[in-house]
């Protein structure tokens, strides 16, 4: 999001926030968060109160987004909720920030296994985005919400719905949102027991490196290989995914625990869960 389009005018604070957003896009989350916190601390001392509030809100939005990207979402969940409450009165295109904050709250809810809450948050956020589409570009935020929605649906074992959302939005995604929806599609196919399709999809293209997605596609590949009975390849893929997570993510990131559990399952040679239709027949 271009900060200058939302905070009208130009200033040192706007320029600094835009530099920090670039750091965030480059995966330098710790530096982006620290810089945003510093701007937030200065915002309260700006002479114009309304300007200080706007700068502070955007700085907090960026800081909490960076924390979520690192896997520290639970630590900032209360802040996301308080910031949401503060931003409720914003109207027009300025609501983009509020909806971005709500998308990050959705991400945290998914990480805590609160999938039905995340789904409700996502559907309401999408309705909010629809109401401001005529005022400003919302495509990136919308795709982030849809990616989170795919995760929420997969978390509730609604894999067919998740596949439909991912496939339906892949053609208009790019960069990080394309990579995220691609991972979501692979996960949804694995969830349906369509392991060969999942493996083919996972290897269809190599997405641009996105630190926040570290290990995610590799885990999908490992699950597909395990489902196809290719145990040694699955173990190698699971180990590689775990190493990617441990190298790039915050030590308490939920994905690290998921990668370790996957590796333990593969090395124990536990069979994958059967597709729903096979379980019903059994």
Protein backbone atom coordinates (compact mmCIF):
# COMPACT_ATOMS: atom_id res chain seq x y z
CA UNK A 1 0.00 0.00 0.00
CA UNK A 2 1.29 3.44 -0.92
CA UNK A 3 1.30 5.32 2.38
CA UNK A 4 1.14 8.75 0.73
CA UNK A 5 -2.21 7.85 -0.85
CA UNK A 6 -3.76 7.22 2.55
CA UNK A 7 -1.94 9.78 4.69
CA UNK A 8 -2.38 12.85 2.56
CA UNK A 9 0.65 14.93 1.78
CA UNK A 10 4.35 14.19 2.12
CA UNK A 11 6.55 14.28 5.16
CA UNK A 12 9.56 12.67 6.72
CA UNK A 13 7.25 10.18 8.45
CA UNK A 14 5.59 9.15 5.19
CA UNK A 15 8.93 8.65 3.46
CA UNK A 16 10.22 6.61 6.41
CA UNK A 17 7.11 4.42 6.43
CA UNK A 18 7.43 3.76 2.71
CA UNK A 19 11.07 2.69 3.18
CA UNK A 20 9.97 0.36 5.97
CA UNK A 21 7.25 -1.10 3.76
CA UNK A 22 9.93 -1.94 1.22
CA UNK A 23 11.94 -3.69 3.92
CA UNK A 24 8.80 -5.63 4.80
CA UNK A 25 8.30 -6.66 1.16
CA UNK A 26 11.96 -7.77 1.08
CA UNK A 27 11.39 -10.04 4.08
CA UNK A 28 13.36 -7.87 6.52
CA UNK A 29 10.60 -8.16 9.09
CA UNK A 30 12.61 -7.50 12.23
CA UNK A 31 14.06 -4.28 10.87
CA UNK A 32 10.69 -3.16 9.52
CA UNK A 33 9.02 -3.78 12.87
CA UNK A 34 11.71 -1.95 14.85
CA UNK A 35 11.56 1.03 12.52
CA UNK A 36 7.76 1.16 12.67
CA UNK A 37 7.82 1.09 16.47
CA UNK A 38 10.25 4.02 16.46
CA UNK A 39 7.93 6.03 14.20
CA UNK A 40 4.96 5.12 16.39
CA UNK A 41 6.80 6.48 19.43
CA UNK A 42 7.50 9.77 17.63
CA UNK A 43 3.98 10.11 16.23
CA UNK A 44 2.52 11.19 19.55
CA UNK A 45 4.85 14.20 19.64
CA UNK A 46 3.84 15.58 16.23
CA UNK A 47 2.27 19.03 16.45
CA UNK A 48 -0.91 18.22 14.57
CA UNK A 49 -2.86 15.66 16.58
CA UNK A 50 -4.81 14.25 13.62
CA UNK A 51 -1.59 13.79 11.65
CA UNK A 52 0.07 12.11 14.62
CA UNK A 53 -2.84 9.69 14.98
CA UNK A 54 -2.71 8.77 11.28
CA UNK A 55 1.05 8.23 11.33
CA UNK A 56 0.80 6.20 14.54
CA UNK A 57 -1.94 3.98 13.16
CA UNK A 58 0.02 3.20 10.02
CA UNK A 59 3.18 2.54 12.01
CA UNK A 60 1.32 0.14 14.31
CA UNK A 61 -0.30 -1.55 11.33
CA UNK A 62 3.11 -2.18 9.78
CA UNK A 63 4.70 -3.27 13.06
CA UNK A 64 1.97 -5.81 13.78
CA UNK A 65 2.05 -7.08 10.18
CA UNK A 66 5.81 -7.63 10.49
CA UNK A 67 5.33 -9.47 13.79
CA UNK A 68 2.69 -11.73 12.18
CA UNK A 69 4.98 -12.45 9.22
CA UNK A 70 7.67 -13.60 11.65
CA UNK A 71 5.24 -15.98 13.37
CA UNK A 72 4.75 -13.80 16.44
CA UNK A 73 1.11 -13.10 15.78
CA UNK A 74 -0.14 -14.34 19.14
CA UNK A 75 2.06 -11.74 20.84
CA UNK A 76 0.34 -8.89 18.98
CA UNK A 77 -3.23 -10.25 18.78
CA UNK A 78 -4.49 -7.94 21.54
CA UNK A 79 -2.86 -5.00 19.77
CA UNK A 80 -4.48 -5.98 16.48
CA UNK A 81 -7.86 -6.03 18.19
CA UNK A 82 -7.36 -2.66 19.90
CA UNK A 83 -6.14 -1.13 16.65
CA UNK A 84 -9.21 -2.50 14.87
CA UNK A 85 -11.44 -0.81 17.44
CA UNK A 86 -9.60 2.51 17.01
CA UNK A 87 -9.91 2.40 13.22
CA UNK A 88 -13.62 1.55 13.08
CA UNK A 89 -14.58 5.20 12.63
CA UNK A 90 -12.45 5.71 9.52
CA UNK A 91 -14.43 6.20 6.31
CA UNK A 92 -13.70 6.00 2.59
CA UNK A 93 -10.40 4.74 1.21
CA UNK A 94 -8.81 5.10 4.65
CA UNK A 95 -10.58 1.89 5.63
CA UNK A 96 -7.94 -0.01 3.67
CA UNK A 97 -5.70 0.08 6.75
CA UNK A 98 -8.48 -1.28 8.96
CA UNK A 99 -9.13 -4.15 6.55
CA UNK A 100 -5.42 -4.95 6.32
CA UNK A 101 -5.27 -5.14 10.13
CA UNK A 102 -8.28 -7.46 10.13
CA UNK A 103 -6.58 -9.66 7.53
CA UNK A 104 -3.61 -10.01 9.87
CA UNK A 105 -5.93 -10.87 12.74
CA UNK A 106 -7.35 -13.60 10.52
CA UNK A 107 -3.83 -14.93 9.98
CA UNK A 108 -3.32 -15.16 13.75
CA UNK A 109 -6.64 -16.90 14.32
CA UNK A 110 -5.66 -19.53 11.75
CA UNK A 111 -2.31 -20.05 13.48
CA UNK A 112 -4.19 -20.70 16.74
CA UNK A 113 -6.50 -23.24 15.12
CA UNK A 114 -9.52 -20.92 15.43
CA UNK A 115 -10.57 -21.61 11.87
CA UNK A 116 -14.28 -20.86 12.03
CA UNK A 117 -13.56 -17.48 13.64
CA UNK A 118 -10.98 -16.77 10.95
CA UNK A 119 -13.49 -17.66 8.25
CA UNK A 120 -16.10 -15.29 9.71
CA UNK A 121 -13.52 -12.52 9.99
CA UNK A 122 -12.45 -13.10 6.40
CA UNK A 123 -15.94 -13.06 4.91
CA UNK A 124 -16.79 -9.84 6.75
CA UNK A 125 -13.49 -8.27 5.65
CA UNK A 126 -14.20 -9.19 2.03
CA UNK A 127 -17.57 -7.45 2.29
CA UNK A 128 -15.78 -4.38 3.63
CA UNK A 129 -13.33 -4.43 0.75
CA UNK A 130 -16.17 -4.65 -1.76
CA UNK A 131 -17.65 -1.45 -0.32
CA UNK A 132 -14.50 0.60 -1.04
CA UNK A 133 -13.39 -0.91 -4.36
CA UNK A 134 -14.68 2.16 -6.21
CA UNK A 135 -12.50 4.43 -4.07
CA UNK A 136 -9.10 2.74 -4.06
CA UNK A 137 -7.22 -0.37 -5.19
CA UNK A 138 -7.86 -3.24 -2.79
CA UNK A 139 -6.62 -6.17 -4.88
CA UNK A 140 -3.56 -7.01 -2.76
CA UNK A 141 -5.42 -6.92 0.55
CA UNK A 142 -8.29 -8.90 -0.97
CA UNK A 143 -5.94 -11.65 -2.17
CA UNK A 144 -4.28 -11.81 1.26
CA UNK A 145 -7.70 -12.32 2.84
CA UNK A 146 -8.58 -14.99 0.28
CA UNK A 147 -5.33 -16.83 1.02
CA UNK A 148 -6.19 -16.77 4.72
CA UNK A 149 -9.67 -18.00 3.82
CA UNK A 150 -8.17 -20.99 1.99
CA UNK A 151 -6.25 -21.86 5.17
CA UNK A 152 -9.37 -21.45 7.31
CA UNK A 153 -11.35 -23.79 5.05
CA UNK A 154 -8.56 -26.38 4.99
CA UNK A 155 -8.41 -26.20 8.78
CA UNK A 156 -12.08 -27.21 8.83
CA UNK A 157 -11.48 -30.07 6.34
CA UNK A 158 -13.47 -28.21 3.67
CA UNK A 159 -10.85 -28.92 1.05
CA UNK A 160 -13.08 -28.75 -2.03
CA UNK A 161 -14.19 -25.23 -1.08
CA UNK A 162 -10.59 -24.24 -0.40
CA UNK A 163 -9.54 -25.57 -3.81
CA UNK A 164 -12.26 -23.54 -5.52
CA UNK A 165 -11.16 -20.32 -3.79
CA UNK A 166 -7.50 -20.91 -4.61
CA UNK A 167 -8.07 -21.87 -8.26
CA UNK A 168 -10.51 -19.05 -8.81
CA UNK A 169 -8.08 -16.37 -7.69
CA UNK A 170 -4.70 -17.67 -8.88
CA UNK A 171 -5.03 -16.08 -12.36
CA UNK A 172 -5.12 -12.54 -10.94
CA UNK A 173 -2.53 -13.02 -8.20
CA UNK A 174 1.14 -12.14 -8.44
CA UNK A 175 4.26 -12.18 -6.31
CA UNK A 176 3.67 -13.21 -2.71
CA UNK A 177 -0.09 -13.66 -3.07
CA UNK A 178 0.44 -15.94 -6.08
CA UNK A 179 2.91 -18.07 -4.12
CA UNK A 180 0.58 -18.22 -1.11
CA UNK A 181 -2.49 -19.25 -3.10
CA UNK A 182 -0.39 -21.82 -4.96
CA UNK A 183 0.62 -23.36 -1.62
CA UNK A 184 -3.01 -23.30 -0.50
CA UNK A 185 -4.06 -25.17 -3.64
CA UNK A 186 -1.46 -27.88 -3.00
CA UNK A 187 -2.66 -28.26 0.60
CA UNK A 188 -6.30 -28.50 -0.53
CA UNK A 189 -5.46 -31.23 -3.06
CA UNK A 190 -3.52 -33.21 -0.45
CA UNK A 191 -6.49 -32.90 1.88
CA UNK A 192 -8.66 -34.60 -0.72
CA UNK A 193 -6.14 -37.42 -1.16
CA UNK A 194 -5.30 -36.24 -4.69
CA UNK A 195 -1.59 -36.64 -4.06
CA UNK A 196 -0.37 -36.93 -7.64
CA UNK A 197 -2.27 -33.79 -8.62
CA UNK A 198 -0.85 -32.02 -5.58
CA UNK A 199 2.69 -33.04 -6.49
CA UNK A 200 2.25 -31.98 -10.10
CA UNK A 201 0.82 -28.63 -9.00
CA UNK A 202 3.60 -28.09 -6.45
CA UNK A 203 6.24 -28.59 -9.15
CA UNK A 204 4.40 -26.62 -11.82
CA UNK A 205 6.44 -23.47 -11.23
CA UNK A 206 8.99 -22.11 -8.81
CA UNK A 207 7.52 -19.07 -7.00
CA UNK A 208 9.59 -16.07 -6.03
CA UNK A 209 11.23 -16.40 -2.66
CA UNK A 210 8.92 -15.15 0.11
CA UNK A 211 10.32 -15.52 3.61
CA UNK A 212 6.88 -15.66 5.24
CA UNK A 213 6.11 -18.81 3.18
CA UNK A 214 9.31 -20.63 4.16
CA UNK A 215 8.78 -24.38 4.25
CA UNK A 216 5.11 -24.22 3.27
CA UNK A 217 5.38 -25.58 -0.26
CA UNK A 218 8.04 -28.09 0.78
CA UNK A 219 5.68 -29.48 3.39
CA UNK A 220 2.98 -29.86 0.75
CA UNK A 221 5.42 -31.77 -1.45
CA UNK A 222 6.37 -34.04 1.46
CA UNK A 223 2.72 -34.82 2.22
CA UNK A 224 2.07 -35.64 -1.45
CA UNK A 225 5.10 -37.91 -1.70
CA UNK A 226 4.15 -39.67 1.52
CA UNK A 227 0.63 -40.19 0.24
CA UNK A 228 2.05 -41.77 -2.92
CA UNK A 229 4.14 -44.17 -0.83
CA UNK A 230 7.47 -42.59 -1.78
CA UNK A 231 8.74 -42.61 1.78
CA UNK A 232 12.43 -41.78 1.30
CA UNK A 233 11.63 -38.84 -0.98
CA UNK A 234 8.96 -37.66 1.46
CA UNK A 235 11.42 -37.77 4.34
CA UNK A 236 13.99 -35.77 2.38
CA UNK A 237 11.37 -33.17 1.44
CA UNK A 238 10.12 -32.93 5.03
CA UNK A 239 13.65 -32.45 6.36
CA UNK A 240 14.36 -29.77 3.78
CA UNK A 241 11.12 -27.98 4.66
CA UNK A 242 11.94 -28.08 8.36
CA UNK A 243 15.41 -26.70 7.74
CA UNK A 244 13.90 -23.90 5.64
CA UNK A 245 11.49 -23.04 8.46
CA UNK A 246 14.16 -23.10 11.16
CA UNK A 247 16.53 -21.00 9.06
CA UNK A 248 14.03 -18.29 8.12
CA UNK A 249 11.25 -18.10 10.71
CA UNK A 250 10.90 -17.01 14.33
CA UNK A 251 11.69 -19.98 16.64
CA UNK A 252 8.09 -20.17 17.91
CA UNK A 253 6.49 -19.96 14.45
CA UNK A 254 3.61 -22.50 14.30
CA UNK A 255 4.91 -23.82 10.97
CA UNK A 256 8.08 -25.09 12.64
CA UNK A 257 5.99 -27.27 14.96
CA UNK A 258 3.93 -28.46 11.98
CA UNK A 259 7.08 -29.33 10.01
CA UNK A 260 8.50 -31.30 12.94
CA UNK A 261 5.24 -33.20 13.35
CA UNK A 262 5.19 -33.97 9.64
CA UNK A 263 8.76 -35.26 9.70
CA UNK A 264 7.97 -37.46 12.71
CA UNK A 265 4.92 -38.85 10.92
CA UNK A 266 6.86 -39.59 7.74
CA UNK A 267 9.80 -41.23 9.51
CA UNK A 268 7.41 -43.31 11.60
CA UNK A 269 5.83 -44.30 8.26
CA UNK A 270 2.34 -43.57 9.54
CA UNK A 271 -0.06 -43.79 6.62
CA UNK A 272 -1.67 -40.53 5.49
CA UNK A 273 -5.31 -39.89 6.34
CA UNK A 274 -7.58 -41.42 3.68
CA UNK A 275 -9.65 -39.18 1.44
CA UNK A 276 -13.14 -38.52 2.90
CA UNK A 277 -14.90 -40.80 0.43
CA UNK A 278 -12.57 -43.72 1.28
CA UNK A 279 -13.04 -43.16 5.00
CA UNK A 280 -16.82 -43.29 4.48
CA UNK A 281 -16.55 -46.58 2.60
CA UNK A 282 -14.31 -48.03 5.29
